[in-house]
Amino acid sequence: MNVVDIRSTAAELPDAWASFLLGRMGTTGVKVLRMDGRPLPPESHDAAEALLVVDGTLRLAADGTEVDVRAGEMYIVEAGVEHAVRPGSRGTLVIIDHVSDTAPAS
């Protein structure tokens, strides 16, 4: 797969907030998902992740700070930082992060 229509791929996903692995470069994965306004509980990861908003707005709470990440903007969550999606996040999100060898394709 060379060219990916990120918006169409996200729109076709059956469930919002269920990411789909578009591809890997070594141990780095590129995933896409559709945000539907629902909040998500706090989480943290062993590796940093980049959150790139393709369209819409990601309303994020990270390390005690609230931030809105808009279309064309990216937020990097450092390893170990607790972060949660706030209500009202809608649109298309690309996540670039570490993918283990045992991670499922979606």
N, C-alpha and C. Protein backbone atom coordinates (compact mmCIF):
# COMPACT_ATOMS: atom_id res chain seq x y z
N MET A 1 0.86 -1.17 0.00
CA MET A 1 0.00 0.00 0.00
C MET A 1 0.91 1.23 0.00
N ASN A 2 0.71 2.10 -0.99
CA ASN A 2 1.54 3.29 -1.09
C ASN A 2 0.77 4.56 -0.75
N VAL A 3 -0.37 4.78 -1.38
CA VAL A 3 -1.16 5.97 -1.13
C VAL A 3 -2.35 5.57 -0.26
N VAL A 4 -2.55 6.31 0.82
CA VAL A 4 -3.65 6.02 1.74
C VAL A 4 -4.51 7.26 1.87
N ASP A 5 -5.79 7.10 1.63
CA ASP A 5 -6.74 8.18 1.88
C ASP A 5 -7.13 8.07 3.34
N ILE A 6 -6.49 8.87 4.17
CA ILE A 6 -6.64 8.76 5.62
C ILE A 6 -8.08 9.05 6.05
N ARG A 7 -8.68 10.09 5.51
CA ARG A 7 -10.06 10.44 5.91
C ARG A 7 -11.05 9.33 5.54
N SER A 8 -10.94 8.80 4.34
CA SER A 8 -11.85 7.73 3.91
C SER A 8 -11.64 6.47 4.73
N THR A 9 -10.39 6.14 5.00
CA THR A 9 -10.10 4.96 5.81
C THR A 9 -10.72 5.09 7.19
N ALA A 10 -10.57 6.26 7.81
CA ALA A 10 -11.15 6.49 9.14
C ALA A 10 -12.67 6.43 9.08
N ALA A 11 -13.26 7.03 8.05
CA ALA A 11 -14.72 7.07 7.93
C ALA A 11 -15.31 5.67 7.76
N GLU A 12 -14.55 4.76 7.16
CA GLU A 12 -15.04 3.40 6.93
C GLU A 12 -14.85 2.47 8.13
N LEU A 13 -14.14 2.90 9.15
CA LEU A 13 -13.94 2.05 10.32
C LEU A 13 -15.28 1.82 11.02
N PRO A 14 -15.57 0.57 11.42
CA PRO A 14 -16.86 0.28 12.02
C PRO A 14 -17.09 0.92 13.39
N ASP A 15 -16.02 1.14 14.13
CA ASP A 15 -16.15 1.69 15.49
C ASP A 15 -15.25 2.90 15.69
N ALA A 16 -15.84 3.97 16.23
CA ALA A 16 -15.02 5.12 16.60
C ALA A 16 -14.06 4.70 17.71
N TRP A 17 -12.92 5.32 17.73
CA TRP A 17 -11.88 5.10 18.73
C TRP A 17 -11.18 3.75 18.61
N ALA A 18 -11.53 2.95 17.62
CA ALA A 18 -10.82 1.69 17.37
C ALA A 18 -9.80 1.97 16.26
N SER A 19 -8.54 2.01 16.62
CA SER A 19 -7.52 2.38 15.63
C SER A 19 -7.27 1.25 14.64
N PHE A 20 -6.84 1.64 13.46
CA PHE A 20 -6.50 0.71 12.39
C PHE A 20 -5.05 0.96 12.01
N LEU A 21 -4.23 -0.09 12.05
CA LEU A 21 -2.82 0.03 11.71
C LEU A 21 -2.65 0.13 10.20
N LEU A 22 -2.19 1.30 9.75
CA LEU A 22 -1.97 1.54 8.32
C LEU A 22 -0.67 0.92 7.84
N GLY A 23 0.35 0.94 8.71
CA GLY A 23 1.64 0.39 8.32
C GLY A 23 2.66 0.53 9.43
N ARG A 24 3.80 -0.12 9.20
CA ARG A 24 4.91 -0.07 10.17
C ARG A 24 6.20 0.31 9.46
N MET A 25 7.03 1.02 10.20
CA MET A 25 8.39 1.30 9.78
C MET A 25 9.25 0.86 10.97
N GLY A 26 9.82 -0.34 10.87
CA GLY A 26 10.53 -0.89 12.02
C GLY A 26 9.55 -1.14 13.15
N THR A 27 9.82 -0.56 14.31
CA THR A 27 8.92 -0.73 15.46
C THR A 27 7.95 0.43 15.60
N THR A 28 7.90 1.30 14.61
CA THR A 28 6.98 2.43 14.64
C THR A 28 5.74 2.10 13.82
N GLY A 29 4.58 2.32 14.42
CA GLY A 29 3.32 2.08 13.73
C GLY A 29 2.61 3.38 13.42
N VAL A 30 1.90 3.40 12.32
CA VAL A 30 1.06 4.54 11.95
C VAL A 30 -0.37 4.02 11.92
N LYS A 31 -1.20 4.59 12.80
CA LYS A 31 -2.59 4.15 12.93
C LYS A 31 -3.53 5.32 12.67
N VAL A 32 -4.74 5.01 12.27
CA VAL A 32 -5.75 6.03 12.06
C VAL A 32 -6.99 5.61 12.85
N LEU A 33 -7.74 6.62 13.31
CA LEU A 33 -9.01 6.34 13.96
C LEU A 33 -9.95 7.52 13.77
N ARG A 34 -11.20 7.25 14.06
CA ARG A 34 -12.25 8.24 13.95
C ARG A 34 -12.69 8.63 15.36
N MET A 35 -12.68 9.93 15.65
CA MET A 35 -13.14 10.45 16.94
C MET A 35 -14.60 10.83 16.81
N ASP A 36 -15.42 10.48 17.82
CA ASP A 36 -16.86 10.72 17.71
C ASP A 36 -17.45 11.57 18.84
N GLY A 37 -16.62 12.27 19.57
CA GLY A 37 -17.13 13.15 20.61
C GLY A 37 -17.11 12.56 22.01
N ARG A 38 -17.02 11.24 22.10
CA ARG A 38 -16.99 10.60 23.42
C ARG A 38 -15.61 10.76 24.07
N PRO A 39 -15.58 10.90 25.38
CA PRO A 39 -14.30 10.95 26.08
C PRO A 39 -13.73 9.54 26.25
N LEU A 40 -12.44 9.47 26.52
CA LEU A 40 -11.79 8.20 26.84
C LEU A 40 -11.08 8.34 28.18
N PRO A 41 -10.99 7.26 28.94
CA PRO A 41 -10.35 7.33 30.26
C PRO A 41 -8.84 7.55 30.14
N PRO A 42 -8.23 8.01 31.21
CA PRO A 42 -6.77 8.23 31.20
C PRO A 42 -6.00 6.94 30.91
N GLU A 43 -4.86 7.13 30.25
CA GLU A 43 -3.95 6.03 29.96
C GLU A 43 -2.54 6.58 29.86
N SER A 44 -1.57 5.70 29.91
CA SER A 44 -0.18 6.09 29.67
C SER A 44 0.50 4.91 28.98
N HIS A 45 1.64 5.19 28.35
CA HIS A 45 2.33 4.17 27.57
C HIS A 45 3.82 4.20 27.91
N ASP A 46 4.49 3.08 27.62
CA ASP A 46 5.93 2.98 27.87
C ASP A 46 6.76 3.76 26.86
N ALA A 47 6.16 4.11 25.74
CA ALA A 47 6.86 4.85 24.69
C ALA A 47 6.05 6.11 24.34
N ALA A 48 6.74 7.11 23.82
CA ALA A 48 6.07 8.33 23.38
C ALA A 48 5.17 8.03 22.19
N GLU A 49 4.16 8.89 21.99
CA GLU A 49 3.32 8.77 20.80
C GLU A 49 3.02 10.16 20.27
N ALA A 50 2.90 10.24 18.95
CA ALA A 50 2.53 11.50 18.30
C ALA A 50 1.08 11.40 17.87
N LEU A 51 0.30 12.43 18.20
CA LEU A 51 -1.12 12.49 17.86
C LEU A 51 -1.31 13.60 16.84
N LEU A 52 -1.59 13.24 15.60
CA LEU A 52 -1.72 14.19 14.50
C LEU A 52 -3.19 14.28 14.08
N VAL A 53 -3.77 15.46 14.22
CA VAL A 53 -5.17 15.66 13.86
C VAL A 53 -5.25 16.01 12.37
N VAL A 54 -5.93 15.17 11.61
CA VAL A 54 -6.10 15.38 10.17
C VAL A 54 -7.24 16.34 9.93
N ASP A 55 -8.37 16.11 10.60
CA ASP A 55 -9.48 17.05 10.55
C ASP A 55 -10.21 16.99 11.89
N GLY A 56 -10.88 18.08 12.24
CA GLY A 56 -11.58 18.16 13.51
C GLY A 56 -10.69 18.69 14.62
N THR A 57 -11.01 18.30 15.86
CA THR A 57 -10.27 18.73 17.04
C THR A 57 -10.16 17.60 18.04
N LEU A 58 -8.96 17.38 18.55
CA LEU A 58 -8.72 16.45 19.65
C LEU A 58 -8.64 17.28 20.92
N ARG A 59 -9.55 17.04 21.85
CA ARG A 59 -9.56 17.73 23.14
C ARG A 59 -8.89 16.80 24.13
N LEU A 60 -7.71 17.18 24.58
CA LEU A 60 -6.84 16.30 25.34
C LEU A 60 -6.54 16.87 26.72
N ALA A 61 -6.45 16.00 27.70
CA ALA A 61 -5.92 16.35 29.01
C ALA A 61 -4.64 15.53 29.16
N ALA A 62 -3.51 16.20 29.30
CA ALA A 62 -2.23 15.50 29.39
C ALA A 62 -1.39 16.11 30.50
N ASP A 63 -0.99 15.27 31.42
CA ASP A 63 -0.12 15.68 32.51
C ASP A 63 -0.70 16.87 33.27
N GLY A 64 -2.04 16.84 33.48
CA GLY A 64 -2.70 17.89 34.25
C GLY A 64 -3.04 19.15 33.48
N THR A 65 -2.78 19.18 32.18
CA THR A 65 -3.07 20.36 31.36
C THR A 65 -4.07 20.00 30.28
N GLU A 66 -5.03 20.89 30.03
CA GLU A 66 -5.99 20.67 28.95
C GLU A 66 -5.53 21.43 27.71
N VAL A 67 -5.62 20.76 26.57
CA VAL A 67 -5.18 21.36 25.32
C VAL A 67 -6.11 20.90 24.20
N ASP A 68 -6.40 21.78 23.26
CA ASP A 68 -7.13 21.43 22.06
C ASP A 68 -6.14 21.37 20.91
N VAL A 69 -6.11 20.24 20.22
CA VAL A 69 -5.23 20.03 19.07
C VAL A 69 -6.12 20.04 17.84
N ARG A 70 -5.88 21.00 16.95
CA ARG A 70 -6.75 21.20 15.79
C ARG A 70 -6.16 20.60 14.52
N ALA A 71 -6.97 20.58 13.49
CA ALA A 71 -6.55 20.03 12.19
C ALA A 71 -5.22 20.63 11.76
N GLY A 72 -4.30 19.77 11.36
CA GLY A 72 -2.98 20.21 10.94
C GLY A 72 -2.00 20.35 12.07
N GLU A 73 -2.43 20.10 13.31
CA GLU A 73 -1.55 20.20 14.47
C GLU A 73 -1.26 18.81 15.02
N MET A 74 -0.14 18.72 15.74
CA MET A 74 0.28 17.45 16.33
C MET A 74 0.68 17.69 17.78
N TYR A 75 0.37 16.73 18.62
CA TYR A 75 0.75 16.78 20.03
C TYR A 75 1.56 15.52 20.32
N ILE A 76 2.71 15.69 20.96
CA ILE A 76 3.54 14.54 21.33
C ILE A 76 3.34 14.27 22.81
N VAL A 77 2.90 13.06 23.11
CA VAL A 77 2.74 12.62 24.49
C VAL A 77 3.99 11.83 24.83
N GLU A 78 4.75 12.33 25.79
CA GLU A 78 5.98 11.64 26.19
C GLU A 78 5.67 10.33 26.90
N ALA A 79 6.60 9.42 26.89
CA ALA A 79 6.45 8.13 27.55
C ALA A 79 6.10 8.33 29.03
N GLY A 80 5.14 7.56 29.51
CA GLY A 80 4.77 7.59 30.92
C GLY A 80 3.82 8.71 31.32
N VAL A 81 3.50 9.63 30.41
CA VAL A 81 2.62 10.75 30.74
C VAL A 81 1.16 10.30 30.64
N GLU A 82 0.41 10.48 31.72
CA GLU A 82 -1.00 10.13 31.69
C GLU A 82 -1.75 11.15 30.84
N HIS A 83 -2.61 10.65 29.96
CA HIS A 83 -3.40 11.51 29.08
C HIS A 83 -4.77 10.89 28.87
N ALA A 84 -5.76 11.76 28.61
CA ALA A 84 -7.13 11.31 28.40
C ALA A 84 -7.78 12.19 27.35
N VAL A 85 -8.70 11.61 26.61
CA VAL A 85 -9.47 12.36 25.62
C VAL A 85 -10.68 12.97 26.33
N ARG A 86 -10.84 14.29 26.16
CA ARG A 86 -11.95 15.01 26.76
C ARG A 86 -13.18 14.96 25.84
N PRO A 87 -14.37 15.17 26.40
CA PRO A 87 -15.58 15.18 25.57
C PRO A 87 -15.48 16.23 24.46
N GLY A 88 -16.08 15.92 23.32
CA GLY A 88 -16.11 16.86 22.21
C GLY A 88 -15.04 16.65 21.16
N SER A 89 -14.19 15.64 21.33
CA SER A 89 -13.17 15.35 20.32
C SER A 89 -13.83 14.68 19.12
N ARG A 90 -13.70 15.31 17.96
CA ARG A 90 -14.33 14.78 16.74
C ARG A 90 -13.38 14.96 15.57
N GLY A 91 -13.44 14.01 14.64
CA GLY A 91 -12.64 14.12 13.43
C GLY A 91 -11.78 12.90 13.20
N THR A 92 -10.67 13.11 12.51
CA THR A 92 -9.76 12.03 12.14
C THR A 92 -8.42 12.24 12.82
N LEU A 93 -7.92 11.18 13.44
CA LEU A 93 -6.67 11.24 14.19
C LEU A 93 -5.71 10.18 13.68
N VAL A 94 -4.45 10.57 13.47
CA VAL A 94 -3.38 9.63 13.14
C VAL A 94 -2.49 9.53 14.38
N ILE A 95 -2.19 8.29 14.77
CA ILE A 95 -1.32 8.04 15.92
C ILE A 95 -0.05 7.37 15.41
N ILE A 96 1.08 7.93 15.78
CA ILE A 96 2.38 7.36 15.42
C ILE A 96 3.03 6.92 16.72
N ASP A 97 3.26 5.61 16.85
CA ASP A 97 3.79 5.10 18.12
C ASP A 97 4.53 3.78 17.93
N HIS A 98 5.05 3.28 19.02
CA HIS A 98 5.73 1.98 19.03
C HIS A 98 4.67 0.88 18.90
N VAL A 99 4.94 -0.09 18.04
CA VAL A 99 4.04 -1.22 17.86
C VAL A 99 4.82 -2.49 18.18
N SER A 100 4.31 -3.27 19.13
CA SER A 100 4.99 -4.53 19.47
C SER A 100 4.76 -5.54 18.36
N ASP A 101 5.61 -6.55 18.32
CA ASP A 101 5.49 -7.60 17.29
C ASP A 101 4.19 -8.38 17.42
N THR A 102 3.58 -8.35 18.61
CA THR A 102 2.36 -9.11 18.82
C THR A 102 1.10 -8.27 18.70
N ALA A 103 1.24 -7.00 18.33
CA ALA A 103 0.07 -6.12 18.23
C ALA A 103 -0.82 -6.55 17.08
N PRO A 104 -2.14 -6.54 17.29
CA PRO A 104 -3.06 -6.87 16.19
C PRO A 104 -3.06 -5.76 15.15
N ALA A 105 -3.58 -6.04 13.99
CA ALA A 105 -3.59 -5.08 12.90
C ALA A 105 -4.58 -3.95 13.11
N SER A 106 -5.43 -4.04 14.08
CA SER A 106 -6.35 -2.94 14.31
C SER A 106 -6.58 -2.73 15.78
